[in-house]
Amino acid sequence: MLHYYMFSFVAGNNTFARVTIGWPDASVTESRIAFAREKAIGKRSDACPLAVSYLGQMTPEVAVS
């Protein structure tokens, strides 16, 4: 089971993006936020995190359903 988080980002030109990622532990670090930002919006230097939401601990099969 993994701990799942939804990361929300905003960038220039009113670009918004969200991504859901699971990790084996319940820690959110700067490197994990950077990883999520790259997955959600690419390597844009103007992208800023808006929110991080904890979705709970679940299996990958449940997370995608």
PDB file of N, CA and C in Angstrom:
ATOM      1  N   MET A   1       0.843  -1.175   0.000  1.00  0.00           N
ATOM      2  CA  MET A   1       0.000   0.000   0.000  1.00  0.00           C
ATOM      3  C   MET A   1       0.890   1.241   0.000  1.00  0.00           C
ATOM      4  N   LEU A   2       0.419   2.247  -0.700  1.00  0.00           N
ATOM      5  CA  LEU A   2       1.156   3.503  -0.819  1.00  0.00           C
ATOM      6  C   LEU A   2       0.338   4.650  -0.243  1.00  0.00           C
ATOM      7  N   HIS A   3       1.029   5.713   0.129  1.00  0.00           N
ATOM      8  CA  HIS A   3       0.381   6.948   0.571  1.00  0.00           C
ATOM      9  C   HIS A   3       0.245   7.842  -0.662  1.00  0.00           C
ATOM     10  N   TYR A   4      -0.973   8.234  -1.005  1.00  0.00           N
ATOM     11  CA  TYR A   4      -1.218   9.010  -2.222  1.00  0.00           C
ATOM     12  C   TYR A   4      -1.491  10.471  -1.908  1.00  0.00           C
ATOM     13  N   TYR A   5      -0.937  11.317  -2.761  1.00  0.00           N
ATOM     14  CA  TYR A   5      -1.095  12.765  -2.655  1.00  0.00           C
ATOM     15  C   TYR A   5      -1.500  13.321  -4.010  1.00  0.00           C
ATOM     16  N   MET A   6      -2.316  14.357  -4.000  1.00  0.00           N
ATOM     17  CA  MET A   6      -2.610  15.104  -5.214  1.00  0.00           C
ATOM     18  C   MET A   6      -1.901  16.449  -5.094  1.00  0.00           C
ATOM     19  N   PHE A   7      -1.084  16.748  -6.091  1.00  0.00           N
ATOM     20  CA  PHE A   7      -0.346  18.000  -6.152  1.00  0.00           C
ATOM     21  C   PHE A   7      -0.986  18.889  -7.207  1.00  0.00           C
ATOM     22  N   SER A   8      -1.225  20.143  -6.883  1.00  0.00           N
ATOM     23  CA  SER A   8      -1.799  21.112  -7.821  1.00  0.00           C
ATOM     24  C   SER A   8      -0.793  22.231  -8.043  1.00  0.00           C
ATOM     25  N   PHE A   9      -0.638  22.630  -9.310  1.00  0.00           N
ATOM     26  CA  PHE A   9       0.335  23.649  -9.690  1.00  0.00           C
ATOM     27  C   PHE A   9      -0.303  24.674 -10.611  1.00  0.00           C
ATOM     28  N   VAL A  10       0.285  25.869 -10.642  1.00  0.00           N
ATOM     29  CA  VAL A  10      -0.111  26.919 -11.573  1.00  0.00           C
ATOM     30  C   VAL A  10       1.159  27.474 -12.204  1.00  0.00           C
ATOM     31  N   ALA A  11       1.045  27.852 -13.474  1.00  0.00           N
ATOM     32  CA  ALA A  11       2.169  28.459 -14.195  1.00  0.00           C
ATOM     33  C   ALA A  11       1.633  29.629 -15.010  1.00  0.00           C
ATOM     34  N   GLY A  12       2.523  30.281 -15.724  1.00  0.00           N
ATOM     35  CA  GLY A  12       2.139  31.425 -16.544  1.00  0.00           C
ATOM     36  C   GLY A  12       1.039  31.090 -17.529  1.00  0.00           C
ATOM     37  N   ASN A  13       0.396  32.130 -18.055  1.00  0.00           N
ATOM     38  CA  ASN A  13      -0.711  31.980 -19.011  1.00  0.00           C
ATOM     39  C   ASN A  13      -1.874  31.189 -18.425  1.00  0.00           C
ATOM     40  N   ASN A  14      -2.075  31.291 -17.100  1.00  0.00           N
ATOM     41  CA  ASN A  14      -3.179  30.598 -16.424  1.00  0.00           C
ATOM     42  C   ASN A  14      -3.188  29.094 -16.680  1.00  0.00           C
ATOM     43  N   THR A  15      -2.023  28.485 -16.704  1.00  0.00           N
ATOM     44  CA  THR A  15      -1.898  27.046 -16.873  1.00  0.00           C
ATOM     45  C   THR A  15      -1.993  26.374 -15.509  1.00  0.00           C
ATOM     46  N   PHE A  16      -2.937  25.460 -15.366  1.00  0.00           N
ATOM     47  CA  PHE A  16      -3.104  24.703 -14.133  1.00  0.00           C
ATOM     48  C   PHE A  16      -2.881  23.226 -14.430  1.00  0.00           C
ATOM     49  N   ALA A  17      -2.321  22.512 -13.472  1.00  0.00           N
ATOM     50  CA  ALA A  17      -2.104  21.076 -13.651  1.00  0.00           C
ATOM     51  C   ALA A  17      -2.177  20.382 -12.302  1.00  0.00           C
ATOM     52  N   ARG A  18      -2.631  19.127 -12.337  1.00  0.00           N
ATOM     53  CA  ARG A  18      -2.681  18.290 -11.137  1.00  0.00           C
ATOM     54  C   ARG A  18      -2.100  16.930 -11.465  1.00  0.00           C
ATOM     55  N   VAL A  19      -1.513  16.328 -10.467  1.00  0.00           N
ATOM     56  CA  VAL A  19      -0.991  14.974 -10.615  1.00  0.00           C
ATOM     57  C   VAL A  19      -1.165  14.257  -9.280  1.00  0.00           C
ATOM     58  N   THR A  20      -1.461  12.967  -9.360  1.00  0.00           N
ATOM     59  CA  THR A  20      -1.578  12.130  -8.168  1.00  0.00           C
ATOM     60  C   THR A  20      -0.421  11.148  -8.165  1.00  0.00           C
ATOM     61  N   ILE A  21       0.300  11.101  -7.044  1.00  0.00           N
ATOM     62  CA  ILE A  21       1.480  10.243  -6.930  1.00  0.00           C
ATOM     63  C   ILE A  21       1.436   9.539  -5.584  1.00  0.00           C
ATOM     64  N   GLY A  22       1.856   8.262  -5.570  1.00  0.00           N
ATOM     65  CA  GLY A  22       1.930   7.495  -4.334  1.00  0.00           C
ATOM     66  C   GLY A  22       3.359   7.150  -3.972  1.00  0.00           C
ATOM     67  N   TRP A  23       3.647   7.193  -2.667  1.00  0.00           N
ATOM     68  CA  TRP A  23       4.961   6.819  -2.140  1.00  0.00           C
ATOM     69  C   TRP A  23       4.786   5.858  -0.978  1.00  0.00           C
ATOM     70  N   PRO A  24       5.825   5.058  -0.692  1.00  0.00           N
ATOM     71  CA  PRO A  24       5.710   4.091   0.398  1.00  0.00           C
ATOM     72  C   PRO A  24       5.661   4.718   1.789  1.00  0.00           C
ATOM     73  N   ASP A  25       6.144   5.957   1.931  1.00  0.00           N
ATOM     74  CA  ASP A  25       6.058   6.616   3.234  1.00  0.00           C
ATOM     75  C   ASP A  25       5.218   7.882   3.108  1.00  0.00           C
ATOM     76  N   ALA A  26       4.853   8.459   4.243  1.00  0.00           N
ATOM     77  CA  ALA A  26       3.914   9.585   4.251  1.00  0.00           C
ATOM     78  C   ALA A  26       4.618  10.932   4.325  1.00  0.00           C
ATOM     79  N   SER A  27       5.809  11.036   3.769  1.00  0.00           N
ATOM     80  CA  SER A  27       6.563  12.295   3.824  1.00  0.00           C
ATOM     81  C   SER A  27       6.434  13.067   2.521  1.00  0.00           C
ATOM     82  N   VAL A  28       6.225  14.376   2.639  1.00  0.00           N
ATOM     83  CA  VAL A  28       6.254  15.262   1.475  1.00  0.00           C
ATOM     84  C   VAL A  28       7.470  16.165   1.651  1.00  0.00           C
ATOM     85  N   THR A  29       8.427  16.025   0.741  1.00  0.00           N
ATOM     86  CA  THR A  29       9.662  16.799   0.808  1.00  0.00           C
ATOM     87  C   THR A  29       9.742  17.737  -0.391  1.00  0.00           C
ATOM     88  N   GLU A  30      10.692  18.654  -0.356  1.00  0.00           N
ATOM     89  CA  GLU A  30      10.875  19.560  -1.495  1.00  0.00           C
ATOM     90  C   GLU A  30      11.212  18.796  -2.762  1.00  0.00           C
ATOM     91  N   SER A  31      12.000  17.742  -2.647  1.00  0.00           N
ATOM     92  CA  SER A  31      12.351  16.966  -3.839  1.00  0.00           C
ATOM     93  C   SER A  31      11.132  16.241  -4.407  1.00  0.00           C
ATOM     94  N   ARG A  32      10.221  15.818  -3.561  1.00  0.00           N
ATOM     95  CA  ARG A  32       8.999  15.173  -4.053  1.00  0.00           C
ATOM     96  C   ARG A  32       8.059  16.186  -4.693  1.00  0.00           C
ATOM     97  N   ILE A  33       8.010  17.384  -4.159  1.00  0.00           N
ATOM     98  CA  ILE A  33       7.213  18.439  -4.793  1.00  0.00           C
ATOM     99  C   ILE A  33       7.798  18.774  -6.159  1.00  0.00           C
ATOM    100  N   ALA A  34       9.128  18.853  -6.254  1.00  0.00           N
ATOM    101  CA  ALA A  34       9.779  19.122  -7.544  1.00  0.00           C
ATOM    102  C   ALA A  34       9.502  17.995  -8.538  1.00  0.00           C
ATOM    103  N   PHE A  35       9.541  16.747  -8.082  1.00  0.00           N
ATOM    104  CA  PHE A  35       9.240  15.602  -8.938  1.00  0.00           C
ATOM    105  C   PHE A  35       7.803  15.681  -9.449  1.00  0.00           C
ATOM    106  N   ALA A  36       6.874  15.983  -8.554  1.00  0.00           N
ATOM    107  CA  ALA A  36       5.465  16.096  -8.943  1.00  0.00           C
ATOM    108  C   ALA A  36       5.262  17.244  -9.921  1.00  0.00           C
ATOM    109  N   ARG A  37       5.943  18.375  -9.701  1.00  0.00           N
ATOM    110  CA  ARG A  37       5.818  19.520 -10.606  1.00  0.00           C
ATOM    111  C   ARG A  37       6.279  19.153 -12.006  1.00  0.00           C
ATOM    112  N   GLU A  38       7.406  18.440 -12.104  1.00  0.00           N
ATOM    113  CA  GLU A  38       7.899  18.034 -13.422  1.00  0.00           C
ATOM    114  C   GLU A  38       6.922  17.080 -14.102  1.00  0.00           C
ATOM    115  N   LYS A  39       6.341  16.157 -13.351  1.00  0.00           N
ATOM    116  CA  LYS A  39       5.368  15.224 -13.937  1.00  0.00           C
ATOM    117  C   LYS A  39       4.088  15.943 -14.367  1.00  0.00           C
ATOM    118  N   ALA A  40       3.678  16.950 -13.610  1.00  0.00           N
ATOM    119  CA  ALA A  40       2.413  17.632 -13.894  1.00  0.00           C
ATOM    120  C   ALA A  40       2.537  18.668 -14.995  1.00  0.00           C
ATOM    121  N   ILE A  41       3.607  19.451 -14.976  1.00  0.00           N
ATOM    122  CA  ILE A  41       3.653  20.630 -15.842  1.00  0.00           C
ATOM    123  C   ILE A  41       4.958  20.758 -16.621  1.00  0.00           C
ATOM    124  N   GLY A  42       5.874  19.823 -16.431  1.00  0.00           N
ATOM    125  CA  GLY A  42       7.147  19.873 -17.141  1.00  0.00           C
ATOM    126  C   GLY A  42       8.169  20.718 -16.394  1.00  0.00           C
ATOM    127  N   LYS A  43       9.240  21.038 -17.065  1.00  0.00           N
ATOM    128  CA  LYS A  43      10.345  21.771 -16.429  1.00  0.00           C
ATOM    129  C   LYS A  43      10.183  23.268 -16.585  1.00  0.00           C
ATOM    130  N   ARG A  44       9.018  23.773 -16.287  1.00  0.00           N
ATOM    131  CA  ARG A  44       8.768  25.215 -16.376  1.00  0.00           C
ATOM    132  C   ARG A  44       9.234  25.874 -15.092  1.00  0.00           C
ATOM    133  N   SER A  45      10.039  26.906 -15.235  1.00  0.00           N
ATOM    134  CA  SER A  45      10.564  27.586 -14.049  1.00  0.00           C
ATOM    135  C   SER A  45       9.517  28.469 -13.380  1.00  0.00           C
ATOM    136  N   ASP A  46       8.421  28.777 -14.092  1.00  0.00           N
ATOM    137  CA  ASP A  46       7.402  29.654 -13.510  1.00  0.00           C
ATOM    138  C   ASP A  46       6.276  28.885 -12.816  1.00  0.00           C
ATOM    139  N   ALA A  47       6.387  27.582 -12.715  1.00  0.00           N
ATOM    140  CA  ALA A  47       5.342  26.777 -12.078  1.00  0.00           C
ATOM    141  C   ALA A  47       5.476  26.833 -10.559  1.00  0.00           C
ATOM    142  N   CYS A  48       4.361  27.091  -9.888  1.00  0.00           N
ATOM    143  CA  CYS A  48       4.333  27.188  -8.424  1.00  0.00           C
ATOM    144  C   CYS A  48       3.306  26.213  -7.865  1.00  0.00           C
ATOM    145  N   PRO A  49       3.625  25.573  -6.746  1.00  0.00           N
ATOM    146  CA  PRO A  49       2.630  24.694  -6.131  1.00  0.00           C
ATOM    147  C   PRO A  49       1.493  25.494  -5.514  1.00  0.00           C
ATOM    148  N   LEU A  50       0.278  25.036  -5.732  1.00  0.00           N
ATOM    149  CA  LEU A  50      -0.907  25.647  -5.119  1.00  0.00           C
ATOM    150  C   LEU A  50      -1.343  24.891  -3.877  1.00  0.00           C
ATOM    151  N   ALA A  51      -1.359  23.559  -3.983  1.00  0.00           N
ATOM    152  CA  ALA A  51      -1.857  22.753  -2.871  1.00  0.00           C
ATOM    153  C   ALA A  51      -1.314  21.336  -2.954  1.00  0.00           C
ATOM    154  N   VAL A  52      -1.226  20.707  -1.800  1.00  0.00           N
ATOM    155  CA  VAL A  52      -0.912  19.288  -1.694  1.00  0.00           C
ATOM    156  C   VAL A  52      -2.001  18.674  -0.823  1.00  0.00           C
ATOM    157  N   SER A  53      -2.687  17.691  -1.371  1.00  0.00           N
ATOM    158  CA  SER A  53      -3.774  17.038  -0.638  1.00  0.00           C
ATOM    159  C   SER A  53      -3.426  15.577  -0.396  1.00  0.00           C
ATOM    160  N   TYR A  54      -3.566  15.143   0.837  1.00  0.00           N
ATOM    161  CA  TYR A  54      -3.351  13.737   1.173  1.00  0.00           C
ATOM    162  C   TYR A  54      -4.632  12.966   0.870  1.00  0.00           C
ATOM    163  N   LEU A  55      -4.530  11.959   0.018  1.00  0.00           N
ATOM    164  CA  LEU A  55      -5.699  11.183  -0.393  1.00  0.00           C
ATOM    165  C   LEU A  55      -5.875   9.906   0.411  1.00  0.00           C
ATOM    166  N   GLY A  56      -4.844   9.489   1.121  1.00  0.00           N
ATOM    167  CA  GLY A  56      -4.939   8.298   1.952  1.00  0.00           C
ATOM    168  C   GLY A  56      -3.997   7.201   1.511  1.00  0.00           C
ATOM    169  N   GLN A  57      -4.015   6.125   2.276  1.00  0.00           N
ATOM    170  CA  GLN A  57      -3.182   4.970   1.984  1.00  0.00           C
ATOM    171  C   GLN A  57      -4.034   3.945   1.258  1.00  0.00           C
ATOM    172  N   MET A  58      -3.564   3.507   0.092  1.00  0.00           N
ATOM    173  CA  MET A  58      -4.338   2.565  -0.711  1.00  0.00           C
ATOM    174  C   MET A  58      -3.423   1.822  -1.665  1.00  0.00           C
ATOM    175  N   THR A  59      -3.964   0.811  -2.298  1.00  0.00           N
ATOM    176  CA  THR A  59      -3.217   0.078  -3.309  1.00  0.00           C
ATOM    177  C   THR A  59      -3.275   0.856  -4.623  1.00  0.00           C
ATOM    178  N   PRO A  60      -2.313   0.636  -5.523  1.00  0.00           N
ATOM    179  CA  PRO A  60      -2.356   1.322  -6.819  1.00  0.00           C
ATOM    180  C   PRO A  60      -3.644   1.054  -7.595  1.00  0.00           C
ATOM    181  N   GLU A  61      -4.203  -0.147  -7.460  1.00  0.00           N
ATOM    182  CA  GLU A  61      -5.437  -0.479  -8.174  1.00  0.00           C
ATOM    183  C   GLU A  61      -6.601   0.389  -7.701  1.00  0.00           C
ATOM    184  N   VAL A  62      -6.685   0.633  -6.412  1.00  0.00           N
ATOM    185  CA  VAL A  62      -7.745   1.479  -5.863  1.00  0.00           C
ATOM    186  C   VAL A  62      -7.507   2.929  -6.253  1.00  0.00           C
ATOM    187  N   ALA A  63      -6.253   3.352  -6.264  1.00  0.00           N
ATOM    188  CA  ALA A  63      -5.926   4.748  -6.558  1.00  0.00           C
ATOM    189  C   ALA A  63      -6.341   5.155  -7.966  1.00  0.00           C
ATOM    190  N   VAL A  64      -6.289   4.247  -8.923  1.00  0.00           N
ATOM    191  CA  VAL A  64      -6.628   4.597 -10.303  1.00  0.00           C
ATOM    192  C   VAL A  64      -8.092   4.342 -10.634  1.00  0.00           C
ATOM    193  N   SER A  65      -8.829   3.760  -9.715  1.00  0.00           N
ATOM    194  CA  SER A  65     -10.240   3.476 -10.011  1.00  0.00           C
ATOM    195  C   SER A  65     -11.132   4.658  -9.704  1.00  0.00           C
TER     196      SER A  65
END
